[in-house]
């Protein structure tokens, strides 16, 4: 993934069940690993979507739809 913590990104169209993420802009906050008692480490990531005041945890499988955001490309 080309996006680093503190950078803006934009999700592409994921699917019809994710209207809160499809084509939306957010701030990538970084990795958020979960270390379970059984020794398994789950790779998650934290994002703050534009318009939201609460960061969200996303699964690593969503990273493929995240692209660096350039506001100049929107014009």
PDB file of N, CA and C in Angstrom:
ATOM      1  N   UNK A   1       0.849  -1.171   0.000  1.00  0.00           N
ATOM      2  CA  UNK A   1       0.000   0.000   0.000  1.00  0.00           C
ATOM      3  C   UNK A   1       0.895   1.234   0.000  1.00  0.00           C
ATOM      4  N   UNK A   2       0.539   2.224  -0.790  1.00  0.00           N
ATOM      5  CA  UNK A   2       1.343   3.434  -0.943  1.00  0.00           C
ATOM      6  C   UNK A   2       0.973   4.532   0.044  1.00  0.00           C
ATOM      7  N   UNK A   3       0.013   4.301   0.906  1.00  0.00           N
ATOM      8  CA  UNK A   3      -0.479   5.327   1.811  1.00  0.00           C
ATOM      9  C   UNK A   3       0.173   5.158   3.183  1.00  0.00           C
ATOM     10  N   UNK A   4       0.646   6.270   3.732  1.00  0.00           N
ATOM     11  CA  UNK A   4       1.290   6.252   5.048  1.00  0.00           C
ATOM     12  C   UNK A   4       0.372   6.930   6.060  1.00  0.00           C
ATOM     13  N   UNK A   5       0.589   6.653   7.335  1.00  0.00           N
ATOM     14  CA  UNK A   5      -0.204   7.273   8.391  1.00  0.00           C
ATOM     15  C   UNK A   5      -0.137   8.790   8.258  1.00  0.00           C
ATOM     16  N   UNK A   6      -1.293   9.427   8.363  1.00  0.00           N
ATOM     17  CA  UNK A   6      -1.391  10.875   8.244  1.00  0.00           C
ATOM     18  C   UNK A   6      -1.743  11.361   6.852  1.00  0.00           C
ATOM     19  N   UNK A   7      -1.844  10.457   5.890  1.00  0.00           N
ATOM     20  CA  UNK A   7      -2.159  10.850   4.514  1.00  0.00           C
ATOM     21  C   UNK A   7      -3.640  10.617   4.202  1.00  0.00           C
ATOM     22  N   UNK A   8      -4.142  11.448   3.283  1.00  0.00           N
ATOM     23  CA  UNK A   8      -5.515  11.292   2.822  1.00  0.00           C
ATOM     24  C   UNK A   8      -5.589  10.179   1.783  1.00  0.00           C
ATOM     25  N   UNK A   9      -6.704   9.481   1.776  1.00  0.00           N
ATOM     26  CA  UNK A   9      -6.937   8.427   0.785  1.00  0.00           C
ATOM     27  C   UNK A   9      -8.392   8.490   0.353  1.00  0.00           C
ATOM     28  N   UNK A  10      -8.695   7.779  -0.712  1.00  0.00           N
ATOM     29  CA  UNK A  10     -10.077   7.652  -1.172  1.00  0.00           C
ATOM     30  C   UNK A  10     -10.347   6.193  -1.479  1.00  0.00           C
ATOM     31  N   UNK A  11     -11.457   5.688  -0.946  1.00  0.00           N
ATOM     32  CA  UNK A  11     -11.880   4.342  -1.299  1.00  0.00           C
ATOM     33  C   UNK A  11     -12.473   4.368  -2.695  1.00  0.00           C
ATOM     34  N   UNK A  12     -12.240   3.321  -3.465  1.00  0.00           N
ATOM     35  CA  UNK A  12     -12.962   3.136  -4.706  1.00  0.00           C
ATOM     36  C   UNK A  12     -14.320   2.537  -4.387  1.00  0.00           C
ATOM     37  N   UNK A  13     -15.045   2.109  -5.412  1.00  0.00           N
ATOM     38  CA  UNK A  13     -16.325   1.426  -5.188  1.00  0.00           C
ATOM     39  C   UNK A  13     -16.020   0.016  -4.722  1.00  0.00           C
ATOM     40  N   UNK A  14     -16.497  -0.343  -3.529  1.00  0.00           N
ATOM     41  CA  UNK A  14     -16.228  -1.663  -2.961  1.00  0.00           C
ATOM     42  C   UNK A  14     -17.336  -2.623  -3.345  1.00  0.00           C
ATOM     43  N   UNK A  15     -18.535  -2.350  -2.884  1.00  0.00           N
ATOM     44  CA  UNK A  15     -19.717  -3.128  -3.273  1.00  0.00           C
ATOM     45  C   UNK A  15     -20.969  -2.418  -2.772  1.00  0.00           C
ATOM     46  N   UNK A  16     -22.124  -2.963  -3.074  1.00  0.00           N
ATOM     47  CA  UNK A  16     -23.386  -2.335  -2.696  1.00  0.00           C
ATOM     48  C   UNK A  16     -23.697  -2.374  -1.216  1.00  0.00           C
ATOM     49  N   UNK A  17     -22.940  -3.135  -0.447  1.00  0.00           N
ATOM     50  CA  UNK A  17     -23.182  -3.250   0.994  1.00  0.00           C
ATOM     51  C   UNK A  17     -22.342  -2.277   1.817  1.00  0.00           C
ATOM     52  N   UNK A  18     -21.542  -1.442   1.148  1.00  0.00           N
ATOM     53  CA  UNK A  18     -20.643  -0.534   1.871  1.00  0.00           C
ATOM     54  C   UNK A  18     -20.847   0.924   1.441  1.00  0.00           C
ATOM     55  N   UNK A  19     -22.076   1.436   1.480  1.00  0.00           N
ATOM     56  CA  UNK A  19     -22.286   2.823   1.026  1.00  0.00           C
ATOM     57  C   UNK A  19     -21.557   3.858   1.871  1.00  0.00           C
ATOM     58  N   UNK A  20     -21.232   3.521   3.124  1.00  0.00           N
ATOM     59  CA  UNK A  20     -20.524   4.478   3.972  1.00  0.00           C
ATOM     60  C   UNK A  20     -19.047   4.596   3.603  1.00  0.00           C
ATOM     61  N   UNK A  21     -18.543   3.671   2.774  1.00  0.00           N
ATOM     62  CA  UNK A  21     -17.137   3.694   2.365  1.00  0.00           C
ATOM     63  C   UNK A  21     -16.948   3.930   0.872  1.00  0.00           C
ATOM     64  N   UNK A  22     -17.897   3.519   0.053  1.00  0.00           N
ATOM     65  CA  UNK A  22     -17.751   3.620  -1.400  1.00  0.00           C
ATOM     66  C   UNK A  22     -17.441   5.049  -1.837  1.00  0.00           C
ATOM     67  N   UNK A  23     -16.307   5.219  -2.518  1.00  0.00           N
ATOM     68  CA  UNK A  23     -15.898   6.502  -3.095  1.00  0.00           C
ATOM     69  C   UNK A  23     -15.780   7.625  -2.068  1.00  0.00           C
ATOM     70  N   UNK A  24     -15.487   7.285  -0.816  1.00  0.00           N
ATOM     71  CA  UNK A  24     -15.370   8.273   0.260  1.00  0.00           C
ATOM     72  C   UNK A  24     -13.894   8.556   0.574  1.00  0.00           C
ATOM     73  N   UNK A  25     -13.653   9.766   1.084  1.00  0.00           N
ATOM     74  CA  UNK A  25     -12.306  10.224   1.433  1.00  0.00           C
ATOM     75  C   UNK A  25     -12.105  10.080   2.938  1.00  0.00           C
ATOM     76  N   UNK A  26     -10.883   9.740   3.328  1.00  0.00           N
ATOM     77  CA  UNK A  26     -10.574   9.602   4.743  1.00  0.00           C
ATOM     78  C   UNK A  26      -9.110   9.862   5.025  1.00  0.00           C
ATOM     79  N   UNK A  27      -8.771   9.833   6.293  1.00  0.00           N
ATOM     80  CA  UNK A  27      -7.399   9.996   6.766  1.00  0.00           C
ATOM     81  C   UNK A  27      -6.929   8.651   7.299  1.00  0.00           C
ATOM     82  N   UNK A  28      -5.817   8.165   6.765  1.00  0.00           N
ATOM     83  CA  UNK A  28      -5.273   6.882   7.218  1.00  0.00           C
ATOM     84  C   UNK A  28      -4.504   7.110   8.509  1.00  0.00           C
ATOM     85  N   UNK A  29      -4.864   6.407   9.575  1.00  0.00           N
ATOM     86  CA  UNK A  29      -4.243   6.591  10.882  1.00  0.00           C
ATOM     87  C   UNK A  29      -3.158   5.567  11.179  1.00  0.00           C
ATOM     88  N   UNK A  30      -3.141   4.469  10.451  1.00  0.00           N
ATOM     89  CA  UNK A  30      -2.080   3.480  10.636  1.00  0.00           C
ATOM     90  C   UNK A  30      -2.593   2.104  11.013  1.00  0.00           C
ATOM     91  N   UNK A  31      -1.645   1.226  11.280  1.00  0.00           N
ATOM     92  CA  UNK A  31      -1.960  -0.157  11.629  1.00  0.00           C
ATOM     93  C   UNK A  31      -2.530  -0.230  13.041  1.00  0.00           C
ATOM     94  N   UNK A  32      -3.374  -1.219  13.252  1.00  0.00           N
ATOM     95  CA  UNK A  32      -3.983  -1.426  14.575  1.00  0.00           C
ATOM     96  C   UNK A  32      -4.078  -2.927  14.817  1.00  0.00           C
ATOM     97  N   UNK A  33      -2.962  -3.532  15.178  1.00  0.00           N
ATOM     98  CA  UNK A  33      -2.921  -4.982  15.382  1.00  0.00           C
ATOM     99  C   UNK A  33      -3.675  -5.377  16.648  1.00  0.00           C
ATOM    100  N   UNK A  34      -4.333  -6.522  16.566  1.00  0.00           N
ATOM    101  CA  UNK A  34      -4.975  -7.114  17.732  1.00  0.00           C
ATOM    102  C   UNK A  34      -4.172  -8.362  18.083  1.00  0.00           C
ATOM    103  N   UNK A  35      -3.696  -8.431  19.316  1.00  0.00           N
ATOM    104  CA  UNK A  35      -2.934  -9.585  19.798  1.00  0.00           C
ATOM    105  C   UNK A  35      -3.851 -10.406  20.702  1.00  0.00           C
ATOM    106  N   UNK A  36      -4.322 -11.529  20.157  1.00  0.00           N
ATOM    107  CA  UNK A  36      -5.245 -12.367  20.900  1.00  0.00           C
ATOM    108  C   UNK A  36      -4.517 -13.226  21.916  1.00  0.00           C
ATOM    109  N   UNK A  37      -5.266 -13.694  22.917  1.00  0.00           N
ATOM    110  CA  UNK A  37      -4.699 -14.537  23.970  1.00  0.00           C
ATOM    111  C   UNK A  37      -4.135 -15.857  23.449  1.00  0.00           C
ATOM    112  N   UNK A  38      -4.673 -16.323  22.301  1.00  0.00           N
ATOM    113  CA  UNK A  38      -4.203 -17.591  21.754  1.00  0.00           C
ATOM    114  C   UNK A  38      -2.956 -17.433  20.882  1.00  0.00           C
ATOM    115  N   UNK A  39      -2.386 -16.212  20.857  1.00  0.00           N
ATOM    116  CA  UNK A  39      -1.160 -15.976  20.114  1.00  0.00           C
ATOM    117  C   UNK A  39      -1.353 -15.493  18.689  1.00  0.00           C
ATOM    118  N   UNK A  40      -2.575 -15.464  18.205  1.00  0.00           N
ATOM    119  CA  UNK A  40      -2.851 -15.007  16.848  1.00  0.00           C
ATOM    120  C   UNK A  40      -2.811 -13.478  16.829  1.00  0.00           C
ATOM    121  N   UNK A  41      -2.170 -12.927  15.804  1.00  0.00           N
ATOM    122  CA  UNK A  41      -2.124 -11.478  15.614  1.00  0.00           C
ATOM    123  C   UNK A  41      -2.997 -11.138  14.407  1.00  0.00           C
ATOM    124  N   UNK A  42      -3.989 -10.295  14.613  1.00  0.00           N
ATOM    125  CA  UNK A  42      -4.919  -9.902  13.558  1.00  0.00           C
ATOM    126  C   UNK A  42      -4.508  -8.522  13.048  1.00  0.00           C
ATOM    127  N   UNK A  43      -4.283  -8.416  11.735  1.00  0.00           N
ATOM    128  CA  UNK A  43      -3.867  -7.146  11.137  1.00  0.00           C
ATOM    129  C   UNK A  43      -5.087  -6.323  10.757  1.00  0.00           C
ATOM    130  N   UNK A  44      -5.301  -5.242  11.472  1.00  0.00           N
ATOM    131  CA  UNK A  44      -6.345  -4.276  11.154  1.00  0.00           C
ATOM    132  C   UNK A  44      -5.696  -2.919  10.935  1.00  0.00           C
ATOM    133  N   UNK A  45      -6.493  -1.957  10.489  1.00  0.00           N
ATOM    134  CA  UNK A  45      -6.011  -0.606  10.235  1.00  0.00           C
ATOM    135  C   UNK A  45      -7.055   0.378  10.726  1.00  0.00           C
ATOM    136  N   UNK A  46      -6.606   1.590  11.103  1.00  0.00           N
ATOM    137  CA  UNK A  46      -7.516   2.629  11.595  1.00  0.00           C
ATOM    138  C   UNK A  46      -7.611   3.737  10.551  1.00  0.00           C
ATOM    139  N   UNK A  47      -8.844   4.208  10.340  1.00  0.00           N
ATOM    140  CA  UNK A  47      -9.097   5.304   9.411  1.00  0.00           C
ATOM    141  C   UNK A  47     -10.087   6.266  10.057  1.00  0.00           C
ATOM    142  N   UNK A  48     -10.027   7.510   9.641  1.00  0.00           N
ATOM    143  CA  UNK A  48     -11.005   8.511  10.046  1.00  0.00           C
ATOM    144  C   UNK A  48     -11.610   9.059   8.772  1.00  0.00           C
ATOM    145  N   UNK A  49     -12.871   8.731   8.536  1.00  0.00           N
ATOM    146  CA  UNK A  49     -13.542   9.157   7.319  1.00  0.00           C
ATOM    147  C   UNK A  49     -13.978  10.606   7.444  1.00  0.00           C
ATOM    148  N   UNK A  50     -13.912  11.353   6.341  1.00  0.00           N
ATOM    149  CA  UNK A  50     -14.335  12.750   6.333  1.00  0.00           C
ATOM    150  C   UNK A  50     -15.790  12.822   6.780  1.00  0.00           C
ATOM    151  N   UNK A  51     -16.068  13.711   7.723  1.00  0.00           N
ATOM    152  CA  UNK A  51     -17.415  13.870   8.251  1.00  0.00           C
ATOM    153  C   UNK A  51     -17.693  13.064   9.502  1.00  0.00           C
ATOM    154  N   UNK A  52     -16.773  12.192   9.872  1.00  0.00           N
ATOM    155  CA  UNK A  52     -16.933  11.366  11.068  1.00  0.00           C
ATOM    156  C   UNK A  52     -16.013  11.885  12.164  1.00  0.00           C
ATOM    157  N   UNK A  53     -16.473  11.791  13.409  1.00  0.00           N
ATOM    158  CA  UNK A  53     -15.633  12.219  14.524  1.00  0.00           C
ATOM    159  C   UNK A  53     -15.008  11.030  15.246  1.00  0.00           C
ATOM    160  N   UNK A  54     -15.346   9.817  14.807  1.00  0.00           N
ATOM    161  CA  UNK A  54     -14.847   8.611  15.453  1.00  0.00           C
ATOM    162  C   UNK A  54     -14.048   7.775  14.465  1.00  0.00           C
ATOM    163  N   UNK A  55     -12.804   7.441  14.792  1.00  0.00           N
ATOM    164  CA  UNK A  55     -12.030   6.564  13.902  1.00  0.00           C
ATOM    165  C   UNK A  55     -12.680   5.185  13.789  1.00  0.00           C
ATOM    166  N   UNK A  56     -12.472   4.546  12.660  1.00  0.00           N
ATOM    167  CA  UNK A  56     -13.005   3.210  12.411  1.00  0.00           C
ATOM    168  C   UNK A  56     -11.852   2.233  12.226  1.00  0.00           C
ATOM    169  N   UNK A  57     -12.086   1.005  12.605  1.00  0.00           N
ATOM    170  CA  UNK A  57     -11.127  -0.069  12.371  1.00  0.00           C
ATOM    171  C   UNK A  57     -11.590  -0.834  11.148  1.00  0.00           C
ATOM    172  N   UNK A  58     -10.671  -1.036  10.206  1.00  0.00           N
ATOM    173  CA  UNK A  58     -11.004  -1.785   8.997  1.00  0.00           C
ATOM    174  C   UNK A  58     -10.095  -3.001   8.883  1.00  0.00           C
ATOM    175  N   UNK A  59     -10.589  -3.995   8.213  1.00  0.00           N
ATOM    176  CA  UNK A  59      -9.846  -5.216   7.950  1.00  0.00           C
ATOM    177  C   UNK A  59      -8.814  -4.954   6.850  1.00  0.00           C
ATOM    178  N   UNK A  60      -7.717  -5.675   6.871  1.00  0.00           N
ATOM    179  CA  UNK A  60      -6.666  -5.486   5.867  1.00  0.00           C
ATOM    180  C   UNK A  60      -7.152  -5.748   4.444  1.00  0.00           C
ATOM    181  N   UNK A  61      -8.243  -6.520   4.296  1.00  0.00           N
ATOM    182  CA  UNK A  61      -8.750  -6.814   2.953  1.00  0.00           C
ATOM    183  C   UNK A  61      -9.313  -5.586   2.259  1.00  0.00           C
ATOM    184  N   UNK A  62      -9.616  -4.523   3.011  1.00  0.00           N
ATOM    185  CA  UNK A  62     -10.117  -3.298   2.393  1.00  0.00           C
ATOM    186  C   UNK A  62      -9.001  -2.434   1.811  1.00  0.00           C
ATOM    187  N   UNK A  63      -7.755  -2.737   2.121  1.00  0.00           N
ATOM    188  CA  UNK A  63      -6.644  -1.914   1.654  1.00  0.00           C
ATOM    189  C   UNK A  63      -6.571  -1.851   0.133  1.00  0.00           C
ATOM    190  N   UNK A  64      -7.006  -2.882  -0.549  1.00  0.00           N
ATOM    191  CA  UNK A  64      -6.902  -2.897  -2.014  1.00  0.00           C
ATOM    192  C   UNK A  64      -7.763  -1.823  -2.674  1.00  0.00           C
ATOM    193  N   UNK A  65      -8.773  -1.311  -1.963  1.00  0.00           N
ATOM    194  CA  UNK A  65      -9.649  -0.275  -2.514  1.00  0.00           C
ATOM    195  C   UNK A  65      -9.231   1.130  -2.094  1.00  0.00           C
ATOM    196  N   UNK A  66      -8.159   1.252  -1.317  1.00  0.00           N
ATOM    197  CA  UNK A  66      -7.686   2.562  -0.870  1.00  0.00           C
ATOM    198  C   UNK A  66      -6.649   3.104  -1.852  1.00  0.00           C
ATOM    199  N   UNK A  67      -6.849   4.353  -2.262  1.00  0.00           N
ATOM    200  CA  UNK A  67      -5.935   4.994  -3.198  1.00  0.00           C
ATOM    201  C   UNK A  67      -5.556   6.368  -2.659  1.00  0.00           C
ATOM    202  N   UNK A  68      -4.314   6.808  -2.891  1.00  0.00           N
ATOM    203  CA  UNK A  68      -3.945   8.153  -2.449  1.00  0.00           C
ATOM    204  C   UNK A  68      -4.936   9.172  -3.010  1.00  0.00           C
ATOM    205  N   UNK A  69      -5.302  10.146  -2.173  1.00  0.00           N
ATOM    206  CA  UNK A  69      -6.285  11.148  -2.588  1.00  0.00           C
ATOM    207  C   UNK A  69      -5.587  12.437  -2.975  1.00  0.00           C
ATOM    208  N   UNK A  70      -5.921  12.946  -4.153  1.00  0.00           N
ATOM    209  CA  UNK A  70      -5.424  14.224  -4.631  1.00  0.00           C
ATOM    210  C   UNK A  70      -6.638  15.095  -4.930  1.00  0.00           C
ATOM    211  N   UNK A  71      -6.896  16.129  -4.106  1.00  0.00           N
ATOM    212  CA  UNK A  71      -8.088  16.951  -4.337  1.00  0.00           C
ATOM    213  C   UNK A  71      -8.073  17.661  -5.682  1.00  0.00           C
ATOM    214  N   UNK A  72      -6.904  17.839  -6.289  1.00  0.00           N
ATOM    215  CA  UNK A  72      -6.842  18.477  -7.603  1.00  0.00           C
ATOM    216  C   UNK A  72      -7.415  17.610  -8.704  1.00  0.00           C
ATOM    217  N   UNK A  73      -7.454  16.288  -8.482  1.00  0.00           N
ATOM    218  CA  UNK A  73      -8.021  15.388  -9.484  1.00  0.00           C
ATOM    219  C   UNK A  73      -9.543  15.423  -9.489  1.00  0.00           C
ATOM    220  N   UNK A  74     -10.153  15.957  -8.440  1.00  0.00           N
ATOM    221  CA  UNK A  74     -11.612  15.995  -8.316  1.00  0.00           C
ATOM    222  C   UNK A  74     -12.232  17.099  -9.177  1.00  0.00           C
ATOM    223  N   UNK A  75     -11.420  18.059  -9.610  1.00  0.00           N
ATOM    224  CA  UNK A  75     -11.961  19.217 -10.354  1.00  0.00           C
ATOM    225  C   UNK A  75     -12.157  18.920 -11.794  1.00  0.00           C
TER     226      UNK A  75
END
